[in-house]
């Protein structure tokens, strides 16, 4: 009696899709729990970080006498629209940059791919950021003053656009960092620090002098934050920013990042990051 050997059966497209989303779910959970084994503790730490930044920038704007150039309305909401979008951008950029490296040891496992790492890192950062924002907005609405948005859909769109732009820059910086790891670490840090000023968190695009405006308009995050404030406040209409520029830069950065990464993955080596 002959023994039948098992044959490899090809999975259907639906089965592959379900398996991929299952891997995404477990990878996202792993990324969320990586920083803190306790999910509540991680959320509290992120809320405190956001709260400290909101308080710092609110005091900074008030001390410098820049409160007069803010939008008439809820001052805390004015600060939050800048801080939340800034954090959404830089946090996902940092998470994707560290997760998208072709020399990542997790890529040695067959089911793990660069795309899976990017998805898990970006969605885990988004999950924590949304939870912390919801907590702070609820606390502000209950304890300080009611929080209302002129166009909530527009604000949400700008928030997700800042998140997507962070993914694009993270992929681009990660792919270039394969060839120049140390310089790209410095460039990424400098980019994050520059956005502390040139993202427009503390000022409105309409209030900036025309001679100084080019120092800010190069930055897509500046456009996103200014447009978000236009959607958050009924008495502010952005005149110097637009989202078309953001979409163009985002798509260029994302395509370039994936193209460079696709080429580099064929030649990537662990020895590239080794010290000489």
Protein backbone atom coordinates (compact mmCIF):
# COMPACT_ATOMS: atom_id res chain seq x y z
CA UNK A 1 0.00 0.00 0.00
CA UNK A 2 1.65 3.18 -1.15
CA UNK A 3 1.70 6.23 1.12
CA UNK A 4 0.41 9.48 -0.33
CA UNK A 5 2.76 12.39 0.24
CA UNK A 6 1.18 15.74 1.12
CA UNK A 7 1.14 18.23 -1.71
CA UNK A 8 1.46 21.95 -1.40
CA UNK A 9 -1.85 23.54 -2.13
CA UNK A 10 -1.90 27.05 -3.46
CA UNK A 11 -3.81 29.50 -1.34
CA UNK A 12 -6.58 31.51 -2.90
CA UNK A 13 -6.34 35.29 -3.12
CA UNK A 14 -9.00 35.63 -0.44
CA UNK A 15 -7.08 33.33 1.89
CA UNK A 16 -3.85 35.27 1.30
CA UNK A 17 -5.66 38.55 1.98
CA UNK A 18 -7.14 37.25 5.24
CA UNK A 19 -3.73 35.92 6.33
CA UNK A 20 -2.10 39.28 5.56
CA UNK A 21 -4.67 41.24 7.59
CA UNK A 22 -4.28 38.78 10.45
CA UNK A 23 -0.52 39.34 10.38
CA UNK A 24 -1.14 43.09 10.31
CA UNK A 25 -3.35 42.86 13.40
CA UNK A 26 -0.83 40.86 15.43
CA UNK A 27 2.03 43.08 14.27
CA UNK A 28 0.12 46.24 15.25
CA UNK A 29 -0.62 44.79 18.70
CA UNK A 30 3.06 43.88 19.08
CA UNK A 31 4.12 47.44 18.19
CA UNK A 32 1.60 49.00 20.57
CA UNK A 33 2.76 46.80 23.46
CA UNK A 34 6.45 47.08 22.59
CA UNK A 35 6.99 50.34 24.45
CA UNK A 36 4.82 49.45 27.46
CA UNK A 37 3.60 46.01 28.44
CA UNK A 38 0.60 47.70 30.05
CA UNK A 39 -1.62 49.39 27.46
CA UNK A 40 -3.12 51.78 30.02
CA UNK A 41 0.33 52.86 31.15
CA UNK A 42 1.36 53.54 27.55
CA UNK A 43 -1.77 55.60 26.95
CA UNK A 44 -1.23 57.64 30.12
CA UNK A 45 2.37 58.40 29.16
CA UNK A 46 1.32 59.54 25.69
CA UNK A 47 -1.49 61.69 27.09
CA UNK A 48 0.93 63.33 29.52
CA UNK A 49 3.39 64.04 26.70
CA UNK A 50 0.69 65.68 24.60
CA UNK A 51 -0.59 67.60 27.61
CA UNK A 52 2.87 68.92 28.45
CA UNK A 53 3.40 70.12 24.89
CA UNK A 54 0.00 71.84 24.82
CA UNK A 55 0.71 73.58 28.14
CA UNK A 56 4.25 74.52 27.05
CA UNK A 57 3.19 76.09 23.76
CA UNK A 58 0.21 77.83 25.36
CA UNK A 59 2.52 79.45 27.94
CA UNK A 60 5.15 80.18 25.29
CA UNK A 61 2.65 81.96 23.03
CA UNK A 62 1.22 83.93 25.96
CA UNK A 63 4.64 84.99 27.32
CA UNK A 64 5.85 86.18 23.90
CA UNK A 65 2.65 88.18 23.42
CA UNK A 66 1.67 86.18 20.32
CA UNK A 67 -1.80 85.44 21.61
CA UNK A 68 -3.11 88.52 19.79
CA UNK A 69 -2.30 86.92 16.40
CA UNK A 70 -4.14 83.70 17.27
CA UNK A 71 -7.58 82.95 15.91
CA UNK A 72 -10.44 84.54 17.85
CA UNK A 73 -12.10 81.67 19.66
CA UNK A 74 -10.99 78.74 21.79
CA UNK A 75 -7.28 79.40 22.45
CA UNK A 76 -6.63 75.87 23.75
CA UNK A 77 -8.16 74.41 20.57
CA UNK A 78 -5.89 76.71 18.56
CA UNK A 79 -2.83 75.27 20.33
CA UNK A 80 -4.13 71.69 20.11
CA UNK A 81 -4.64 71.82 16.34
CA UNK A 82 -0.95 72.62 15.96
CA UNK A 83 0.43 70.24 18.57
CA UNK A 84 -1.73 67.22 17.64
CA UNK A 85 -0.95 67.41 13.93
CA UNK A 86 2.74 67.97 14.61
CA UNK A 87 2.91 64.94 16.91
CA UNK A 88 0.89 62.82 14.49
CA UNK A 89 3.43 63.60 11.78
CA UNK A 90 6.71 63.23 13.67
CA UNK A 91 5.71 60.17 15.70
CA UNK A 92 4.60 58.11 12.72
CA UNK A 93 7.65 59.29 10.77
CA UNK A 94 9.98 58.06 13.52
CA UNK A 95 8.10 54.78 13.90
CA UNK A 96 8.09 54.03 10.17
CA UNK A 97 11.72 55.06 9.74
CA UNK A 98 12.91 52.53 12.32
CA UNK A 99 10.54 49.79 11.14
CA UNK A 100 11.10 50.04 7.37
CA UNK A 101 14.81 49.22 7.27
CA UNK A 102 15.61 46.28 4.94
CA UNK A 103 18.22 45.08 7.44
CA UNK A 104 15.59 44.65 10.18
CA UNK A 105 15.99 41.24 11.82
CA UNK A 106 12.21 40.65 11.68
CA UNK A 107 12.45 40.48 7.88
CA UNK A 108 14.26 37.17 8.24
CA UNK A 109 10.87 35.59 8.99
CA UNK A 110 9.07 34.64 5.79
CA UNK A 111 5.64 36.22 6.46
CA UNK A 112 7.18 39.56 7.48
CA UNK A 113 7.68 42.11 4.72
CA UNK A 114 8.69 45.74 4.58
CA UNK A 115 5.09 46.70 3.76
CA UNK A 116 3.85 44.82 6.82
CA UNK A 117 6.36 46.63 9.03
CA UNK A 118 5.28 50.02 7.65
CA UNK A 119 1.59 49.26 8.16
CA UNK A 120 2.04 47.98 11.71
CA UNK A 121 4.28 50.88 12.77
CA UNK A 122 2.03 53.55 11.25
CA UNK A 123 -1.24 52.16 12.59
CA UNK A 124 0.13 51.55 16.08
CA UNK A 125 1.30 55.18 16.22
CA UNK A 126 -2.09 56.31 14.90
CA UNK A 127 -3.95 54.24 17.48
CA UNK A 128 -2.07 55.71 20.43
CA UNK A 129 -2.32 59.25 19.05
CA UNK A 130 -6.08 59.06 18.48
CA UNK A 131 -6.69 57.73 21.99
CA UNK A 132 -4.58 60.45 23.61
CA UNK A 133 -6.24 63.17 21.52
CA UNK A 134 -9.70 61.91 22.45
CA UNK A 135 -8.82 61.96 26.15
CA UNK A 136 -7.43 65.52 26.04
CA UNK A 137 -10.27 66.89 23.93
CA UNK A 138 -12.84 65.32 26.25
CA UNK A 139 -11.08 66.72 29.34
CA UNK A 140 -10.92 70.18 27.74
CA UNK A 141 -14.58 70.05 26.76
CA UNK A 142 -15.69 69.02 30.26
CA UNK A 143 -13.38 70.98 32.55
CA UNK A 144 -12.32 74.11 30.61
CA UNK A 145 -14.70 75.17 27.85
CA UNK A 146 -16.81 73.47 25.16
CA UNK A 147 -14.84 72.33 22.10
CA UNK A 148 -16.60 72.89 18.78
CA UNK A 149 -15.31 72.57 15.22
CA UNK A 150 -16.52 74.61 12.27
CA UNK A 151 -15.90 71.62 9.96
CA UNK A 152 -15.01 68.43 11.81
CA UNK A 153 -14.60 66.52 8.53
CA UNK A 154 -11.98 68.99 7.35
CA UNK A 155 -10.03 68.77 10.61
CA UNK A 156 -10.09 64.95 10.50
CA UNK A 157 -8.90 65.03 6.88
CA UNK A 158 -5.96 67.27 7.81
CA UNK A 159 -5.09 65.01 10.75
CA UNK A 160 -4.94 61.91 8.54
CA UNK A 161 -3.05 63.87 5.89
CA UNK A 162 -0.38 64.76 8.48
CA UNK A 163 -0.26 61.07 9.38
CA UNK A 164 0.10 59.98 5.74
CA UNK A 165 2.79 62.58 5.13
CA UNK A 166 4.65 61.21 8.16
CA UNK A 167 4.51 57.72 6.62
CA UNK A 168 5.88 59.02 3.32
CA UNK A 169 8.77 60.87 4.97
CA UNK A 170 9.51 57.88 7.20
CA UNK A 171 9.76 55.54 4.21
CA UNK A 172 11.92 58.04 2.29
CA UNK A 173 14.30 58.68 5.20
CA UNK A 174 14.54 54.95 5.91
CA UNK A 175 15.37 54.04 2.31
CA UNK A 176 18.04 56.75 2.01
CA UNK A 177 19.37 55.82 5.44
CA UNK A 178 20.33 52.38 4.10
CA UNK A 179 23.21 54.04 2.25
CA UNK A 180 23.92 56.88 4.71
CA UNK A 181 22.77 55.70 8.15
CA UNK A 182 24.55 58.24 10.36
CA UNK A 183 23.94 61.35 8.19
CA UNK A 184 20.25 60.44 7.84
CA UNK A 185 19.92 60.13 11.61
CA UNK A 186 21.19 63.69 11.93
CA UNK A 187 18.97 64.89 9.07
CA UNK A 188 15.89 63.25 10.61
CA UNK A 189 16.59 64.89 13.96
CA UNK A 190 17.15 68.26 12.28
CA UNK A 191 13.92 67.87 10.30
CA UNK A 192 11.99 67.14 13.49
CA UNK A 193 13.51 70.14 15.27
CA UNK A 194 12.89 72.46 12.31
CA UNK A 195 9.22 71.49 12.35
CA UNK A 196 9.01 72.82 15.91
CA UNK A 197 9.21 76.28 14.30
CA UNK A 198 8.42 75.98 10.60
CA UNK A 199 5.29 73.85 10.99
CA UNK A 200 3.34 76.95 12.02
CA UNK A 201 2.12 75.58 15.35
CA UNK A 202 2.53 78.96 17.04
CA UNK A 203 1.34 81.30 14.28
CA UNK A 204 -1.11 81.72 11.44
CA UNK A 205 -0.06 81.82 7.80
CA UNK A 206 -2.22 84.91 7.23
CA UNK A 207 -0.36 86.83 9.96
CA UNK A 208 3.17 86.14 8.65
CA UNK A 209 4.85 88.94 6.71
CA UNK A 210 5.23 88.21 2.96
CA UNK A 211 9.02 88.46 3.24
CA UNK A 212 9.09 85.65 5.82
CA UNK A 213 6.41 83.47 4.26
CA UNK A 214 8.77 81.44 2.00
CA UNK A 215 10.57 80.22 5.12
CA UNK A 216 7.38 78.36 6.05
CA UNK A 217 5.58 77.52 2.80
CA UNK A 218 8.21 74.97 1.75
CA UNK A 219 6.96 72.75 4.56
CA UNK A 220 3.86 70.67 3.72
CA UNK A 221 3.09 70.32 7.44
CA UNK A 222 2.73 74.11 7.60
CA UNK A 223 0.02 73.90 4.93
CA UNK A 224 -1.74 71.04 6.75
CA UNK A 225 -1.86 72.82 10.13
CA UNK A 226 -3.02 76.09 8.60
CA UNK A 227 -5.78 74.35 6.65
CA UNK A 228 -6.81 72.45 9.78
CA UNK A 229 -7.28 75.76 11.61
CA UNK A 230 -9.34 77.04 8.72
CA UNK A 231 -11.64 74.06 9.23
CA UNK A 232 -11.62 74.33 13.02
CA UNK A 233 -12.54 78.03 13.27
CA UNK A 234 -15.37 79.76 11.45
CA UNK A 235 -13.63 83.15 11.45
CA UNK A 236 -10.36 82.05 9.82
CA UNK A 237 -9.91 81.56 6.07
CA UNK A 238 -6.44 80.33 4.94
CA UNK A 239 -5.14 82.39 2.03
CA UNK A 240 -1.50 81.33 1.75
CA UNK A 241 -1.76 77.54 1.99
CA UNK A 242 -3.39 74.70 0.08
CA UNK A 243 -3.58 70.92 0.30
CA UNK A 244 -2.74 70.25 -3.37
CA UNK A 245 0.92 71.00 -2.67
CA UNK A 246 0.81 68.56 0.25
CA UNK A 247 -0.61 65.72 -1.86
CA UNK A 248 2.04 66.26 -4.56
CA UNK A 249 4.97 66.20 -2.11
CA UNK A 250 3.45 63.24 -0.23
CA UNK A 251 3.07 61.10 -3.35
CA UNK A 252 6.56 61.99 -4.63
CA UNK A 253 8.16 61.12 -1.28
CA UNK A 254 6.21 57.86 -1.00
CA UNK A 255 7.00 56.69 -4.53
CA UNK A 256 10.68 57.61 -4.22
CA UNK A 257 10.90 55.89 -0.86
CA UNK A 258 9.42 52.61 -2.09
CA UNK A 259 11.47 52.70 -5.31
CA UNK A 260 14.76 53.18 -3.45
CA UNK A 261 13.79 50.55 -0.89
CA UNK A 262 12.80 48.05 -3.61
CA UNK A 263 16.21 48.43 -5.23
CA UNK A 264 18.14 48.43 -1.94
CA UNK A 265 16.46 45.27 -0.62
CA UNK A 266 18.23 43.28 -3.35
CA UNK A 267 21.62 44.41 -2.12
CA UNK A 268 21.00 45.19 1.55
CA UNK A 269 23.46 43.69 3.97
CA UNK A 270 23.72 43.65 7.75
CA UNK A 271 27.33 44.76 7.37
CA UNK A 272 26.21 48.16 5.99
CA UNK A 273 25.38 49.33 9.50
CA UNK A 274 28.42 47.73 11.11
CA UNK A 275 31.09 49.96 12.57
CA UNK A 276 34.39 49.98 10.76
